[in-house]
Amino acid sequence: RMASALRRDPNPRWIRLAIAAAAIEDARLDYRDLIVSLIVLRWAAERRGLCPRGEFEALAVLATEATGKLIAGIPQRSASEVENTVRQMTVVEWRAAFEG
């Protein structure tokens, strides 16, 4: 949801809120869902001209050790991994909205 909020309002607060929510959720349901949602968040932020690296690194310390490592690792993922994940896990129309 925060990635969609970035489409309407490219404000870094959406990145901070999403990462804080991820820290609170602490991958209790499925850590893979958390990874995908954070990768999609990174992709959306970058499409809107934001650099989310600092937010990921700064807010990772709020999480437990394991989740913090996961959060801090999102900016380290390759651009091709991010693109592939977003392509596989989102719909074309959603991605296209970031291009227009």
N, C-alpha and C. Protein backbone atom coordinates (compact mmCIF):
# COMPACT_ATOMS: atom_id res chain seq x y z
N ARG A 1 0.81 -1.20 0.00
CA ARG A 1 0.00 0.00 0.00
C ARG A 1 0.85 1.26 0.00
N MET A 2 1.95 1.22 0.74
CA MET A 2 2.80 2.41 0.78
C MET A 2 3.45 2.66 -0.57
N ALA A 3 3.75 1.60 -1.30
CA ALA A 3 4.31 1.77 -2.64
C ALA A 3 3.29 2.48 -3.53
N SER A 4 2.03 2.14 -3.39
CA SER A 4 0.98 2.83 -4.16
C SER A 4 0.83 4.27 -3.71
N ALA A 5 1.00 4.52 -2.42
CA ALA A 5 0.94 5.90 -1.91
C ALA A 5 2.05 6.74 -2.54
N LEU A 6 3.20 6.15 -2.77
CA LEU A 6 4.31 6.87 -3.41
C LEU A 6 3.94 7.33 -4.82
N ARG A 7 3.12 6.55 -5.49
CA ARG A 7 2.70 6.93 -6.84
C ARG A 7 1.92 8.24 -6.80
N ARG A 8 1.06 8.38 -5.82
CA ARG A 8 0.24 9.58 -5.70
C ARG A 8 0.99 10.75 -5.07
N ASP A 9 1.88 10.43 -4.12
CA ASP A 9 2.58 11.46 -3.35
C ASP A 9 4.00 10.98 -3.08
N PRO A 10 4.95 11.34 -3.93
CA PRO A 10 6.32 10.85 -3.77
C PRO A 10 7.05 11.50 -2.60
N ASN A 11 6.60 11.17 -1.40
CA ASN A 11 7.16 11.74 -0.18
C ASN A 11 7.87 10.62 0.59
N PRO A 12 9.09 10.87 1.05
CA PRO A 12 9.84 9.83 1.77
C PRO A 12 9.14 9.30 3.02
N ARG A 13 8.16 10.04 3.54
CA ARG A 13 7.47 9.55 4.75
C ARG A 13 6.80 8.20 4.49
N TRP A 14 6.35 7.96 3.24
CA TRP A 14 5.72 6.67 2.92
C TRP A 14 6.73 5.54 3.03
N ILE A 15 7.96 5.82 2.65
CA ILE A 15 9.02 4.81 2.77
C ILE A 15 9.26 4.51 4.25
N ARG A 16 9.39 5.56 5.05
CA ARG A 16 9.63 5.37 6.49
C ARG A 16 8.50 4.61 7.15
N LEU A 17 7.25 4.96 6.82
CA LEU A 17 6.10 4.26 7.41
C LEU A 17 6.09 2.79 7.03
N ALA A 18 6.38 2.49 5.79
CA ALA A 18 6.38 1.10 5.33
C ALA A 18 7.47 0.29 6.03
N ILE A 19 8.65 0.87 6.15
CA ILE A 19 9.75 0.15 6.80
C ILE A 19 9.47 -0.02 8.29
N ALA A 20 8.91 1.01 8.92
CA ALA A 20 8.55 0.89 10.34
C ALA A 20 7.51 -0.21 10.53
N ALA A 21 6.53 -0.28 9.63
CA ALA A 21 5.52 -1.34 9.70
C ALA A 21 6.17 -2.71 9.54
N ALA A 22 7.13 -2.81 8.64
CA ALA A 22 7.84 -4.08 8.44
C ALA A 22 8.60 -4.47 9.70
N ALA A 23 9.20 -3.49 10.37
CA ALA A 23 9.92 -3.77 11.61
C ALA A 23 8.96 -4.26 12.69
N ILE A 24 7.80 -3.66 12.77
CA ILE A 24 6.80 -4.07 13.77
C ILE A 24 6.25 -5.46 13.44
N GLU A 25 5.94 -5.70 12.19
CA GLU A 25 5.39 -7.00 11.78
C GLU A 25 6.39 -8.12 12.02
N ASP A 26 7.67 -7.81 11.86
CA ASP A 26 8.78 -8.71 12.21
C ASP A 26 8.73 -10.05 11.49
N ALA A 27 8.22 -10.06 10.27
CA ALA A 27 8.17 -11.27 9.45
C ALA A 27 7.48 -12.43 10.16
N ARG A 28 6.51 -12.11 11.00
CA ARG A 28 5.80 -13.15 11.75
C ARG A 28 4.97 -14.06 10.85
N LEU A 29 4.43 -13.52 9.77
CA LEU A 29 3.59 -14.34 8.91
C LEU A 29 4.43 -15.14 7.92
N ASP A 30 5.19 -14.45 7.11
CA ASP A 30 6.05 -15.13 6.14
C ASP A 30 7.12 -14.15 5.69
N TYR A 31 8.35 -14.45 6.01
CA TYR A 31 9.44 -13.53 5.69
C TYR A 31 9.54 -13.25 4.19
N ARG A 32 9.11 -14.19 3.36
CA ARG A 32 9.18 -13.99 1.92
C ARG A 32 8.24 -12.88 1.46
N ASP A 33 7.07 -12.79 2.10
CA ASP A 33 6.15 -11.70 1.79
C ASP A 33 6.77 -10.35 2.14
N LEU A 34 7.48 -10.32 3.26
CA LEU A 34 8.14 -9.09 3.68
C LEU A 34 9.21 -8.67 2.67
N ILE A 35 10.00 -9.63 2.22
CA ILE A 35 11.04 -9.34 1.23
C ILE A 35 10.41 -8.75 -0.04
N VAL A 36 9.37 -9.40 -0.54
CA VAL A 36 8.72 -8.92 -1.77
C VAL A 36 8.16 -7.52 -1.57
N SER A 37 7.47 -7.29 -0.46
CA SER A 37 6.87 -5.97 -0.27
C SER A 37 7.93 -4.88 -0.15
N LEU A 38 9.06 -5.18 0.47
CA LEU A 38 10.13 -4.17 0.57
C LEU A 38 10.84 -3.95 -0.76
N ILE A 39 10.97 -5.00 -1.55
CA ILE A 39 11.54 -4.82 -2.89
C ILE A 39 10.62 -3.97 -3.75
N VAL A 40 9.32 -4.22 -3.67
CA VAL A 40 8.35 -3.42 -4.42
C VAL A 40 8.39 -1.97 -3.94
N LEU A 41 8.52 -1.76 -2.65
CA LEU A 41 8.65 -0.41 -2.10
C LEU A 41 9.87 0.29 -2.67
N ARG A 42 11.00 -0.40 -2.68
CA ARG A 42 12.23 0.19 -3.24
C ARG A 42 12.01 0.57 -4.70
N TRP A 43 11.44 -0.35 -5.47
CA TRP A 43 11.20 -0.09 -6.89
C TRP A 43 10.33 1.15 -7.08
N ALA A 44 9.23 1.23 -6.33
CA ALA A 44 8.31 2.36 -6.45
C ALA A 44 9.00 3.67 -6.08
N ALA A 45 9.77 3.65 -5.01
CA ALA A 45 10.47 4.87 -4.59
C ALA A 45 11.44 5.33 -5.67
N GLU A 46 12.19 4.40 -6.21
CA GLU A 46 13.15 4.75 -7.26
C GLU A 46 12.46 5.28 -8.50
N ARG A 47 11.30 4.73 -8.85
CA ARG A 47 10.55 5.21 -10.01
C ARG A 47 10.06 6.63 -9.81
N ARG A 48 9.84 7.01 -8.57
CA ARG A 48 9.37 8.37 -8.25
C ARG A 48 10.52 9.32 -7.96
N GLY A 49 11.75 8.88 -8.24
CA GLY A 49 12.90 9.76 -8.09
C GLY A 49 13.46 9.85 -6.68
N LEU A 50 13.06 8.94 -5.81
CA LEU A 50 13.55 8.94 -4.43
C LEU A 50 14.66 7.91 -4.28
N CYS A 51 15.57 8.16 -3.38
CA CYS A 51 16.63 7.20 -3.07
C CYS A 51 16.35 6.63 -1.68
N PRO A 52 15.80 5.42 -1.61
CA PRO A 52 15.37 4.87 -0.33
C PRO A 52 16.47 4.21 0.51
N ARG A 53 17.69 4.12 -0.03
CA ARG A 53 18.76 3.40 0.66
C ARG A 53 18.93 3.87 2.12
N GLY A 54 19.02 5.16 2.33
CA GLY A 54 19.23 5.69 3.67
C GLY A 54 18.11 5.34 4.63
N GLU A 55 16.89 5.34 4.12
CA GLU A 55 15.73 4.99 4.96
C GLU A 55 15.80 3.52 5.38
N PHE A 56 16.13 2.64 4.44
CA PHE A 56 16.26 1.23 4.78
C PHE A 56 17.34 1.02 5.84
N GLU A 57 18.48 1.64 5.63
CA GLU A 57 19.60 1.45 6.55
C GLU A 57 19.31 2.05 7.92
N ALA A 58 18.73 3.24 7.96
CA ALA A 58 18.46 3.91 9.24
C ALA A 58 17.38 3.20 10.05
N LEU A 59 16.35 2.72 9.38
CA LEU A 59 15.23 2.13 10.10
C LEU A 59 15.41 0.65 10.40
N ALA A 60 16.38 0.02 9.78
CA ALA A 60 16.63 -1.40 10.06
C ALA A 60 16.97 -1.62 11.53
N VAL A 61 17.56 -0.64 12.18
CA VAL A 61 17.95 -0.79 13.58
C VAL A 61 16.74 -0.85 14.52
N LEU A 62 15.58 -0.47 14.05
CA LEU A 62 14.37 -0.53 14.87
C LEU A 62 13.82 -1.94 14.98
N ALA A 63 14.23 -2.80 14.09
CA ALA A 63 13.69 -4.17 14.02
C ALA A 63 14.52 -5.13 14.85
N THR A 64 14.00 -6.33 14.99
CA THR A 64 14.80 -7.39 15.61
C THR A 64 16.02 -7.64 14.73
N GLU A 65 16.97 -8.37 15.25
CA GLU A 65 18.21 -8.59 14.50
C GLU A 65 17.95 -9.22 13.13
N ALA A 66 17.17 -10.28 13.10
CA ALA A 66 16.93 -10.99 11.83
C ALA A 66 16.17 -10.11 10.83
N THR A 67 15.12 -9.47 11.28
CA THR A 67 14.34 -8.61 10.39
C THR A 67 15.15 -7.37 10.00
N GLY A 68 15.94 -6.86 10.91
CA GLY A 68 16.80 -5.72 10.61
C GLY A 68 17.78 -6.03 9.49
N LYS A 69 18.35 -7.23 9.52
CA LYS A 69 19.27 -7.63 8.45
C LYS A 69 18.53 -7.73 7.12
N LEU A 70 17.32 -8.25 7.17
CA LEU A 70 16.52 -8.36 5.96
C LEU A 70 16.22 -6.97 5.39
N ILE A 71 15.80 -6.05 6.25
CA ILE A 71 15.49 -4.68 5.82
C ILE A 71 16.73 -4.00 5.26
N ALA A 72 17.83 -4.09 5.98
CA ALA A 72 19.07 -3.43 5.55
C ALA A 72 19.61 -4.03 4.26
N GLY A 73 19.24 -5.26 3.96
CA GLY A 73 19.73 -5.92 2.75
C GLY A 73 19.00 -5.55 1.48
N ILE A 74 17.84 -4.93 1.60
CA ILE A 74 17.06 -4.60 0.40
C ILE A 74 17.83 -3.68 -0.55
N PRO A 75 18.49 -2.63 -0.07
CA PRO A 75 19.24 -1.78 -1.00
C PRO A 75 20.42 -2.49 -1.66
N GLN A 76 20.87 -3.59 -1.09
CA GLN A 76 22.01 -4.33 -1.64
C GLN A 76 21.61 -5.22 -2.81
N ARG A 77 20.34 -5.46 -2.96
CA ARG A 77 19.87 -6.34 -4.04
C ARG A 77 20.08 -5.68 -5.39
N SER A 78 20.41 -6.48 -6.37
CA SER A 78 20.72 -5.94 -7.70
C SER A 78 19.48 -5.35 -8.36
N ALA A 79 19.72 -4.42 -9.26
CA ALA A 79 18.62 -3.81 -10.01
C ALA A 79 17.85 -4.87 -10.79
N SER A 80 18.55 -5.85 -11.34
CA SER A 80 17.86 -6.89 -12.12
C SER A 80 16.99 -7.76 -11.22
N GLU A 81 17.44 -8.05 -10.00
CA GLU A 81 16.62 -8.82 -9.07
C GLU A 81 15.37 -8.04 -8.70
N VAL A 82 15.53 -6.75 -8.46
CA VAL A 82 14.38 -5.90 -8.13
C VAL A 82 13.39 -5.89 -9.29
N GLU A 83 13.88 -5.66 -10.50
CA GLU A 83 13.00 -5.64 -11.68
C GLU A 83 12.27 -6.97 -11.85
N ASN A 84 12.99 -8.07 -11.73
CA ASN A 84 12.37 -9.39 -11.90
C ASN A 84 11.32 -9.66 -10.84
N THR A 85 11.61 -9.30 -9.60
CA THR A 85 10.64 -9.51 -8.52
C THR A 85 9.38 -8.69 -8.77
N VAL A 86 9.56 -7.44 -9.11
CA VAL A 86 8.40 -6.57 -9.35
C VAL A 86 7.59 -7.08 -10.55
N ARG A 87 8.26 -7.49 -11.59
CA ARG A 87 7.57 -8.01 -12.77
C ARG A 87 6.75 -9.26 -12.43
N GLN A 88 7.29 -10.13 -11.59
CA GLN A 88 6.61 -11.37 -11.25
C GLN A 88 5.50 -11.19 -10.21
N MET A 89 5.63 -10.18 -9.34
CA MET A 89 4.74 -10.09 -8.19
C MET A 89 3.73 -8.94 -8.25
N THR A 90 3.74 -8.17 -9.33
CA THR A 90 2.77 -7.08 -9.48
C THR A 90 2.11 -7.18 -10.85
N VAL A 91 1.01 -6.48 -11.00
CA VAL A 91 0.30 -6.52 -12.28
C VAL A 91 0.80 -5.40 -13.20
N VAL A 92 0.67 -5.62 -14.47
CA VAL A 92 1.17 -4.69 -15.49
C VAL A 92 0.58 -3.30 -15.29
N GLU A 93 -0.71 -3.22 -15.05
CA GLU A 93 -1.37 -1.92 -14.91
C GLU A 93 -0.80 -1.12 -13.74
N TRP A 94 -0.50 -1.81 -12.64
CA TRP A 94 0.08 -1.13 -11.48
C TRP A 94 1.45 -0.56 -11.83
N ARG A 95 2.28 -1.36 -12.48
CA ARG A 95 3.61 -0.88 -12.87
C ARG A 95 3.50 0.28 -13.86
N ALA A 96 2.58 0.16 -14.80
CA ALA A 96 2.42 1.19 -15.83
C ALA A 96 2.04 2.54 -15.22
N ALA A 97 1.33 2.52 -14.11
CA ALA A 97 0.93 3.77 -13.47
C ALA A 97 2.14 4.57 -12.99
N PHE A 98 3.25 3.91 -12.76
CA PHE A 98 4.47 4.61 -12.33
C PHE A 98 5.21 5.21 -13.51
N GLU A 99 4.90 4.77 -14.70
CA GLU A 99 5.59 5.26 -15.88
C GLU A 99 4.95 6.53 -16.42
N GLY A 100 3.69 6.74 -16.12
CA GLY A 100 2.97 7.86 -16.70
C GLY A 100 2.96 9.10 -15.91
